[in-house]
N, C-alpha and C. Protein backbone atom coordinates (compact mmCIF):
# COMPACT_ATOMS: atom_id res chain seq x y z
N MET A 1 35.88 -47.70 15.59
CA MET A 1 37.02 -46.98 15.94
C MET A 1 37.88 -45.83 15.91
N ARG A 2 37.30 -45.59 14.43
CA ARG A 2 37.15 -44.58 13.41
C ARG A 2 36.64 -42.93 14.40
N GLN A 3 35.66 -43.52 15.10
CA GLN A 3 35.22 -42.18 15.65
C GLN A 3 36.05 -41.94 17.07
N PHE A 4 36.65 -42.74 17.37
CA PHE A 4 37.47 -42.74 18.49
C PHE A 4 38.67 -41.77 18.02
N ALA A 5 39.15 -42.07 16.83
CA ALA A 5 40.42 -41.62 16.26
C ALA A 5 39.75 -40.23 16.02
N GLU A 6 39.01 -40.03 15.49
CA GLU A 6 38.65 -38.50 15.28
C GLU A 6 38.08 -38.07 16.46
N ALA A 7 37.97 -38.11 17.49
CA ALA A 7 37.77 -37.53 19.00
C ALA A 7 39.37 -37.34 19.12
N ALA A 8 40.23 -38.17 19.06
CA ALA A 8 41.69 -37.89 19.17
C ALA A 8 41.78 -36.51 18.33
N ILE A 9 41.45 -36.27 17.29
CA ILE A 9 42.10 -35.41 16.23
C ILE A 9 40.92 -34.16 16.57
N VAL A 10 40.00 -34.36 17.37
CA VAL A 10 39.21 -33.19 17.60
C VAL A 10 39.99 -32.33 19.04
N HIS A 11 40.31 -33.64 20.00
CA HIS A 11 41.00 -32.79 21.18
C HIS A 11 42.48 -32.63 21.06
N ALA A 12 43.40 -32.76 20.05
CA ALA A 12 44.35 -32.42 19.45
C ALA A 12 44.28 -31.06 18.83
N ARG A 13 43.17 -30.60 18.20
CA ARG A 13 43.07 -29.14 17.65
C ARG A 13 42.35 -28.61 18.95
N GLU A 14 41.44 -28.69 19.65
CA GLU A 14 40.51 -27.92 20.49
C GLU A 14 41.33 -27.82 21.70
N VAL A 15 42.14 -28.77 22.59
CA VAL A 15 42.81 -28.64 23.63
C VAL A 15 44.23 -28.22 23.40
N HIS A 16 44.94 -28.88 22.64
CA HIS A 16 46.64 -28.47 22.57
C HIS A 16 46.57 -27.29 21.10
N GLY A 17 45.89 -27.03 20.64
CA GLY A 17 45.78 -26.15 19.26
C GLY A 17 46.88 -26.80 18.23
N SER A 18 46.79 -27.93 18.22
CA SER A 18 47.35 -29.09 17.15
C SER A 18 46.68 -29.83 16.11
N ALA A 19 47.18 -29.50 14.87
CA ALA A 19 46.21 -30.23 13.65
C ALA A 19 46.95 -31.52 13.57
N ILE A 20 46.39 -32.62 13.60
CA ILE A 20 46.97 -33.97 13.53
C ILE A 20 45.78 -34.68 12.00
N THR A 21 46.38 -35.67 11.46
CA THR A 21 46.13 -36.20 10.30
C THR A 21 46.13 -37.50 10.81
N LEU A 22 45.49 -38.47 10.10
CA LEU A 22 45.81 -39.84 10.16
C LEU A 22 46.97 -40.43 9.26
N HIS A 23 48.19 -39.77 9.40
CA HIS A 23 49.08 -40.15 8.95
C HIS A 23 50.38 -40.16 9.89
N HIS A 24 51.60 -40.87 9.82
CA HIS A 24 52.51 -40.92 10.46
C HIS A 24 53.10 -39.56 10.74
N GLN A 25 53.26 -38.57 9.83
CA GLN A 25 53.60 -37.04 9.98
C GLN A 25 53.51 -36.84 11.68
N ALA A 26 52.22 -36.91 11.84
CA ALA A 26 51.72 -36.33 13.04
C ALA A 26 52.27 -37.07 14.19
N LEU A 27 52.68 -38.20 14.16
CA LEU A 27 53.33 -39.20 15.10
C LEU A 27 54.14 -38.31 16.58
N ASP A 28 54.96 -37.61 16.05
CA ASP A 28 55.61 -36.41 17.08
C ASP A 28 54.76 -35.47 17.72
N THR A 29 53.85 -34.94 17.03
CA THR A 29 53.00 -34.13 17.45
C THR A 29 51.86 -35.06 18.58
N VAL A 30 51.45 -36.33 18.25
CA VAL A 30 50.66 -36.60 19.44
C VAL A 30 51.48 -37.27 20.60
N ASP A 31 52.96 -37.45 20.37
CA ASP A 31 53.56 -37.68 21.31
C ASP A 31 53.68 -36.66 22.00
N ARG A 32 54.03 -35.15 21.99
CA ARG A 32 54.17 -33.96 22.66
C ARG A 32 52.80 -34.04 23.38
N ILE A 33 51.52 -34.27 22.61
CA ILE A 33 50.34 -33.95 22.92
C ILE A 33 50.19 -35.26 24.63
N LEU A 34 50.37 -35.99 24.00
CA LEU A 34 50.51 -37.55 25.25
C LEU A 34 51.42 -37.06 26.39
N ALA A 35 52.79 -36.92 26.10
CA ALA A 35 53.53 -36.10 27.09
C ALA A 35 53.08 -35.06 27.97
N ALA A 36 52.32 -34.06 27.58
CA ALA A 36 51.61 -32.95 28.06
C ALA A 36 50.57 -33.42 29.13
N GLU A 37 49.78 -34.48 28.32
CA GLU A 37 48.87 -35.00 29.40
C GLU A 37 49.09 -35.41 30.32
N ARG A 38 50.20 -36.49 29.99
CA ARG A 38 50.94 -36.87 31.33
C ARG A 38 51.07 -36.16 32.40
N GLN A 39 52.21 -35.56 31.78
CA GLN A 39 53.04 -34.17 33.13
C GLN A 39 51.51 -33.34 33.84
N ALA A 40 50.64 -32.98 33.06
CA ALA A 40 49.30 -32.77 33.76
C ALA A 40 48.49 -33.73 34.63
N GLY A 41 48.85 -34.64 34.65
CA GLY A 41 47.81 -35.89 35.30
C GLY A 41 46.49 -35.82 34.89
N ALA A 42 46.50 -35.83 33.70
CA ALA A 42 45.00 -35.74 32.93
C ALA A 42 44.21 -36.73 33.68
N SER A 43 42.96 -36.35 34.06
CA SER A 43 42.07 -37.00 34.65
C SER A 43 41.20 -38.28 33.59
N GLU A 44 41.48 -37.84 32.26
CA GLU A 44 40.78 -38.59 31.22
C GLU A 44 41.74 -39.63 30.57
N ARG A 45 42.58 -40.11 31.49
CA ARG A 45 43.59 -40.86 30.80
C ARG A 45 42.81 -42.50 30.10
N GLY A 46 42.05 -42.60 30.93
CA GLY A 46 41.27 -43.86 30.10
C GLY A 46 41.00 -43.69 28.85
N SER A 47 40.17 -42.24 28.37
CA SER A 47 39.63 -42.09 27.38
C SER A 47 40.36 -41.62 26.62
N LEU A 48 41.84 -41.03 27.01
CA LEU A 48 42.93 -40.62 26.01
C LEU A 48 43.76 -41.61 25.29
N ALA A 49 43.82 -42.58 26.20
CA ALA A 49 44.59 -44.39 25.87
C ALA A 49 43.39 -44.47 24.45
N LEU A 50 41.61 -44.57 24.83
CA LEU A 50 41.51 -45.25 23.90
C LEU A 50 41.24 -44.52 22.79
N CYS A 51 41.05 -43.09 22.93
CA CYS A 51 41.02 -42.24 21.44
C CYS A 51 42.66 -42.51 20.72
N TYR A 52 43.49 -41.96 21.46
CA TYR A 52 44.81 -42.01 20.97
C TYR A 52 45.60 -43.35 20.44
N GLY A 53 45.07 -44.39 21.05
CA GLY A 53 45.49 -45.72 20.57
C GLY A 53 44.45 -46.03 19.08
N SER A 54 43.20 -45.78 19.06
CA SER A 54 42.56 -46.02 17.88
C SER A 54 42.91 -44.90 16.85
N TRP A 55 43.38 -43.85 17.14
CA TRP A 55 44.37 -42.90 16.17
C TRP A 55 45.13 -43.51 15.71
N LEU A 56 46.01 -44.42 16.76
CA LEU A 56 47.44 -44.90 15.76
C LEU A 56 46.82 -46.38 15.07
N GLY A 57 46.08 -47.15 15.40
CA GLY A 57 45.15 -48.11 14.68
C GLY A 57 45.03 -47.27 13.26
N GLU A 58 44.17 -46.49 13.38
CA GLU A 58 43.67 -45.84 12.03
C GLU A 58 44.70 -45.29 11.31
N VAL A 59 45.83 -44.87 11.74
CA VAL A 59 47.00 -44.61 10.93
C VAL A 59 47.47 -46.17 10.06
N ALA A 60 47.62 -47.15 11.17
CA ALA A 60 48.08 -48.37 10.29
C ALA A 60 47.10 -48.96 9.70
N VAL A 61 45.77 -48.66 9.53
CA VAL A 61 44.60 -49.10 8.49
C VAL A 61 44.95 -48.16 7.11
N THR A 62 45.13 -46.95 7.25
CA THR A 62 45.35 -45.90 6.33
C THR A 62 46.60 -46.02 5.65
N GLU A 63 47.73 -46.23 6.14
CA GLU A 63 48.98 -46.22 5.58
C GLU A 63 49.79 -47.33 5.45
N LEU A 64 49.16 -48.55 5.88
CA LEU A 64 50.16 -49.64 5.81
C LEU A 64 48.95 -50.90 5.20
N GLU A 65 47.39 -50.27 4.93
CA GLU A 65 46.21 -51.10 4.52
C GLU A 65 46.30 -52.31 5.58
N GLY A 66 46.44 -51.58 6.91
CA GLY A 66 45.98 -52.90 7.91
C GLY A 66 44.48 -52.97 7.82
N ARG A 67 44.18 -53.56 9.21
CA ARG A 67 42.40 -53.41 9.07
C ARG A 67 42.25 -54.07 10.65
N TRP A 68 41.00 -53.82 11.13
CA TRP A 68 40.59 -53.99 12.57
C TRP A 68 40.39 -55.30 12.52
N VAL A 69 40.51 -56.30 13.34
CA VAL A 69 39.97 -57.55 13.53
C VAL A 69 39.66 -57.76 15.09
N GLY A 70 38.56 -58.56 14.96
CA GLY A 70 37.99 -59.32 16.30
C GLY A 70 37.56 -58.33 17.17
N LEU A 71 36.94 -57.10 16.27
CA LEU A 71 36.03 -56.01 17.04
C LEU A 71 34.99 -56.66 17.66
N HIS A 72 34.39 -57.84 17.07
CA HIS A 72 32.83 -58.40 17.56
C HIS A 72 33.16 -59.41 18.48
N GLU A 73 34.49 -59.87 18.91
CA GLU A 73 34.34 -61.31 19.73
C GLU A 73 34.84 -60.48 21.13
N PRO A 74 34.62 -61.26 21.80
CA PRO A 74 34.94 -60.83 23.54
C PRO A 74 36.12 -60.71 23.92
N HIS A 75 36.95 -61.70 23.04
CA HIS A 75 38.28 -61.50 23.11
C HIS A 75 38.93 -61.65 21.94
N PRO A 76 40.48 -61.06 21.65
CA PRO A 76 41.29 -60.54 20.24
C PRO A 76 41.78 -61.89 19.86
N PRO A 77 41.63 -62.21 18.37
CA PRO A 77 41.44 -63.50 18.06
C PRO A 77 43.22 -63.93 18.56
N ARG A 78 43.54 -65.03 18.27
CA ARG A 78 44.96 -65.58 18.78
C ARG A 78 45.58 -66.15 17.65
């Protein structure tokens, strides 16, 4: 998931000229980026959802001592 989160960081920088990190302070910036992508009718919505969703998950891992679970299972744990 980390590589997808890193792809979001690259996308933010290269496409939107915004520097984001794996910290909650970037949430407003990410919100603006996703709003701009939605307005533009981004054709890569699935990829963007995966990357920015992973970014948000990595923020939780980084700041809240979270962890990814169920990554090797066909379905999420119950």
